[in-house]
Amino acid sequence: MGEKTKTNEVIAALVNAMRAEDYDVRSGVCEALVRIGEKAATNKVIAALVNAMRDGYWSVRAVALEALG
């Protein structure tokens, strides 16, 4: 399994974790996507981050905004 495949699997898992009930998990996912950087810039990730901008918790919105640049 190549690095790209592993990265894509991690990114897919993070996008799924954006649906977690715990806002700390959602915020942590956004932070992880910031650290991954441009490799994470897929349509699904961008859509999840845009959706996170409507999150009920300011901390999730703030990190999503940072991730979107």
N, C-alpha and C. Protein backbone atom coordinates (compact mmCIF):
# COMPACT_ATOMS: atom_id res chain seq x y z
N MET A 1 0.84 -1.17 0.00
CA MET A 1 0.00 0.00 0.00
C MET A 1 0.89 1.23 0.00
N GLY A 2 0.67 2.13 -0.94
CA GLY A 2 1.49 3.32 -1.06
C GLY A 2 1.10 4.42 -0.11
N GLU A 3 1.97 5.41 -0.01
CA GLU A 3 1.72 6.55 0.87
C GLU A 3 0.45 7.29 0.48
N LYS A 4 0.23 7.46 -0.82
CA LYS A 4 -0.96 8.17 -1.28
C LYS A 4 -2.23 7.44 -0.87
N THR A 5 -2.23 6.13 -0.99
CA THR A 5 -3.40 5.33 -0.59
C THR A 5 -3.66 5.47 0.90
N LYS A 6 -2.61 5.40 1.71
CA LYS A 6 -2.76 5.55 3.16
C LYS A 6 -3.28 6.93 3.50
N THR A 7 -2.74 7.96 2.86
CA THR A 7 -3.19 9.32 3.10
C THR A 7 -4.66 9.46 2.75
N ASN A 8 -5.07 8.91 1.61
CA ASN A 8 -6.47 8.98 1.20
C ASN A 8 -7.39 8.28 2.19
N GLU A 9 -6.93 7.16 2.75
CA GLU A 9 -7.73 6.44 3.75
C GLU A 9 -7.87 7.26 5.02
N VAL A 10 -6.80 7.90 5.44
CA VAL A 10 -6.84 8.75 6.63
C VAL A 10 -7.79 9.92 6.40
N ILE A 11 -7.69 10.54 5.25
CA ILE A 11 -8.55 11.68 4.93
C ILE A 11 -10.02 11.24 4.91
N ALA A 12 -10.31 10.10 4.32
CA ALA A 12 -11.69 9.59 4.30
C ALA A 12 -12.21 9.34 5.71
N ALA A 13 -11.37 8.79 6.57
CA ALA A 13 -11.76 8.55 7.96
C ALA A 13 -12.02 9.87 8.69
N LEU A 14 -11.20 10.88 8.41
CA LEU A 14 -11.39 12.18 9.04
C LEU A 14 -12.69 12.83 8.58
N VAL A 15 -12.99 12.73 7.30
CA VAL A 15 -14.25 13.30 6.79
C VAL A 15 -15.43 12.62 7.49
N ASN A 16 -15.37 11.31 7.66
CA ASN A 16 -16.44 10.60 8.38
C ASN A 16 -16.53 11.06 9.83
N ALA A 17 -15.40 11.34 10.44
CA ALA A 17 -15.38 11.77 11.84
C ALA A 17 -15.95 13.17 12.02
N MET A 18 -16.09 13.92 10.95
CA MET A 18 -16.70 15.26 11.05
C MET A 18 -18.16 15.16 11.48
N ARG A 19 -18.75 13.98 11.43
CA ARG A 19 -20.14 13.78 11.84
C ARG A 19 -20.26 13.38 13.31
N ALA A 20 -19.15 13.36 14.02
CA ALA A 20 -19.17 12.95 15.43
C ALA A 20 -20.03 13.90 16.25
N GLU A 21 -20.65 13.36 17.28
CA GLU A 21 -21.47 14.20 18.17
C GLU A 21 -20.61 15.12 19.02
N ASP A 22 -19.43 14.68 19.39
CA ASP A 22 -18.54 15.44 20.27
C ASP A 22 -17.85 16.56 19.48
N TYR A 23 -18.06 17.79 19.92
CA TYR A 23 -17.47 18.92 19.20
C TYR A 23 -15.95 18.92 19.27
N ASP A 24 -15.38 18.35 20.33
CA ASP A 24 -13.92 18.26 20.42
C ASP A 24 -13.36 17.37 19.32
N VAL A 25 -14.10 16.32 18.98
CA VAL A 25 -13.68 15.44 17.89
C VAL A 25 -13.73 16.20 16.57
N ARG A 26 -14.84 16.91 16.33
CA ARG A 26 -14.97 17.67 15.08
C ARG A 26 -13.88 18.73 14.97
N SER A 27 -13.59 19.41 16.06
CA SER A 27 -12.54 20.42 16.07
C SER A 27 -11.18 19.78 15.80
N GLY A 28 -10.93 18.64 16.42
CA GLY A 28 -9.67 17.92 16.21
C GLY A 28 -9.50 17.46 14.78
N VAL A 29 -10.60 17.06 14.16
CA VAL A 29 -10.55 16.66 12.75
C VAL A 29 -10.13 17.84 11.89
N CYS A 30 -10.72 18.99 12.15
CA CYS A 30 -10.34 20.19 11.38
C CYS A 30 -8.86 20.50 11.57
N GLU A 31 -8.37 20.39 12.80
CA GLU A 31 -6.95 20.64 13.07
C GLU A 31 -6.07 19.64 12.32
N ALA A 32 -6.49 18.39 12.28
CA ALA A 32 -5.72 17.38 11.56
C ALA A 32 -5.67 17.70 10.07
N LEU A 33 -6.78 18.18 9.53
CA LEU A 33 -6.81 18.53 8.11
C LEU A 33 -5.90 19.72 7.82
N VAL A 34 -5.81 20.65 8.77
CA VAL A 34 -4.87 21.78 8.62
C VAL A 34 -3.45 21.24 8.53
N ARG A 35 -3.11 20.29 9.38
CA ARG A 35 -1.75 19.73 9.40
C ARG A 35 -1.43 18.93 8.13
N ILE A 36 -2.43 18.24 7.61
CA ILE A 36 -2.21 17.47 6.38
C ILE A 36 -1.97 18.42 5.21
N GLY A 37 -2.63 19.55 5.22
CA GLY A 37 -2.40 20.58 4.21
C GLY A 37 -3.03 20.27 2.87
N GLU A 38 -2.32 20.63 1.82
CA GLU A 38 -2.86 20.55 0.47
C GLU A 38 -3.25 19.14 0.05
N LYS A 39 -2.61 18.13 0.63
CA LYS A 39 -2.97 16.75 0.30
C LYS A 39 -4.43 16.47 0.65
N ALA A 40 -4.97 17.22 1.60
CA ALA A 40 -6.35 17.00 2.05
C ALA A 40 -7.36 17.80 1.24
N ALA A 41 -6.91 18.59 0.30
CA ALA A 41 -7.81 19.48 -0.44
C ALA A 41 -8.58 18.73 -1.52
N THR A 42 -9.55 17.94 -1.09
CA THR A 42 -10.43 17.25 -2.03
C THR A 42 -11.82 17.88 -1.93
N ASN A 43 -12.67 17.59 -2.89
CA ASN A 43 -14.02 18.14 -2.86
C ASN A 43 -14.77 17.73 -1.59
N LYS A 44 -14.62 16.48 -1.16
CA LYS A 44 -15.31 16.01 0.04
C LYS A 44 -14.81 16.73 1.29
N VAL A 45 -13.51 16.95 1.37
CA VAL A 45 -12.94 17.64 2.52
C VAL A 45 -13.40 19.09 2.55
N ILE A 46 -13.35 19.74 1.41
CA ILE A 46 -13.78 21.14 1.35
C ILE A 46 -15.25 21.25 1.72
N ALA A 47 -16.08 20.35 1.22
CA ALA A 47 -17.51 20.36 1.56
C ALA A 47 -17.71 20.15 3.06
N ALA A 48 -16.95 19.24 3.66
CA ALA A 48 -17.07 18.98 5.10
C ALA A 48 -16.64 20.21 5.90
N LEU A 49 -15.59 20.89 5.45
CA LEU A 49 -15.13 22.09 6.15
C LEU A 49 -16.11 23.24 6.00
N VAL A 50 -16.68 23.38 4.82
CA VAL A 50 -17.70 24.42 4.62
C VAL A 50 -18.89 24.13 5.53
N ASN A 51 -19.29 22.88 5.61
CA ASN A 51 -20.38 22.49 6.50
C ASN A 51 -20.02 22.78 7.95
N ALA A 52 -18.76 22.57 8.32
CA ALA A 52 -18.31 22.83 9.69
C ALA A 52 -18.38 24.32 10.03
N MET A 53 -18.40 25.16 9.02
CA MET A 53 -18.54 26.60 9.26
C MET A 53 -19.91 26.94 9.84
N ARG A 54 -20.86 26.01 9.76
CA ARG A 54 -22.19 26.20 10.33
C ARG A 54 -22.37 25.44 11.64
N ASP A 55 -21.27 24.90 12.18
CA ASP A 55 -21.32 24.13 13.42
C ASP A 55 -21.80 25.01 14.57
N GLY A 56 -22.46 24.39 15.53
CA GLY A 56 -22.96 25.12 16.68
C GLY A 56 -21.89 25.57 17.66
N TYR A 57 -20.68 25.08 17.50
CA TYR A 57 -19.59 25.43 18.41
C TYR A 57 -18.57 26.32 17.70
N TRP A 58 -18.25 27.43 18.34
CA TRP A 58 -17.34 28.40 17.71
C TRP A 58 -15.96 27.80 17.45
N SER A 59 -15.51 26.89 18.35
CA SER A 59 -14.17 26.33 18.19
C SER A 59 -14.07 25.51 16.90
N VAL A 60 -15.13 24.80 16.56
CA VAL A 60 -15.14 24.03 15.31
C VAL A 60 -15.13 24.98 14.13
N ARG A 61 -15.96 26.02 14.19
CA ARG A 61 -16.01 27.01 13.10
C ARG A 61 -14.66 27.69 12.91
N ALA A 62 -13.99 28.03 14.01
CA ALA A 62 -12.70 28.73 13.92
C ALA A 62 -11.64 27.87 13.25
N VAL A 63 -11.56 26.61 13.62
CA VAL A 63 -10.55 25.74 13.03
C VAL A 63 -10.90 25.40 11.58
N ALA A 64 -12.20 25.27 11.28
CA ALA A 64 -12.61 25.03 9.89
C ALA A 64 -12.22 26.22 9.02
N LEU A 65 -12.40 27.42 9.54
CA LEU A 65 -12.01 28.62 8.80
C LEU A 65 -10.51 28.63 8.55
N GLU A 66 -9.73 28.27 9.56
CA GLU A 66 -8.28 28.18 9.39
C GLU A 66 -7.92 27.15 8.32
N ALA A 67 -8.61 26.02 8.34
CA ALA A 67 -8.32 24.96 7.37
C ALA A 67 -8.65 25.41 5.94
N LEU A 68 -9.71 26.19 5.81
CA LEU A 68 -10.10 26.66 4.48
C LEU A 68 -9.18 27.78 3.98
N GLY A 69 -8.44 28.37 4.89
CA GLY A 69 -7.45 29.37 4.51
C GLY A 69 -8.03 30.72 4.43
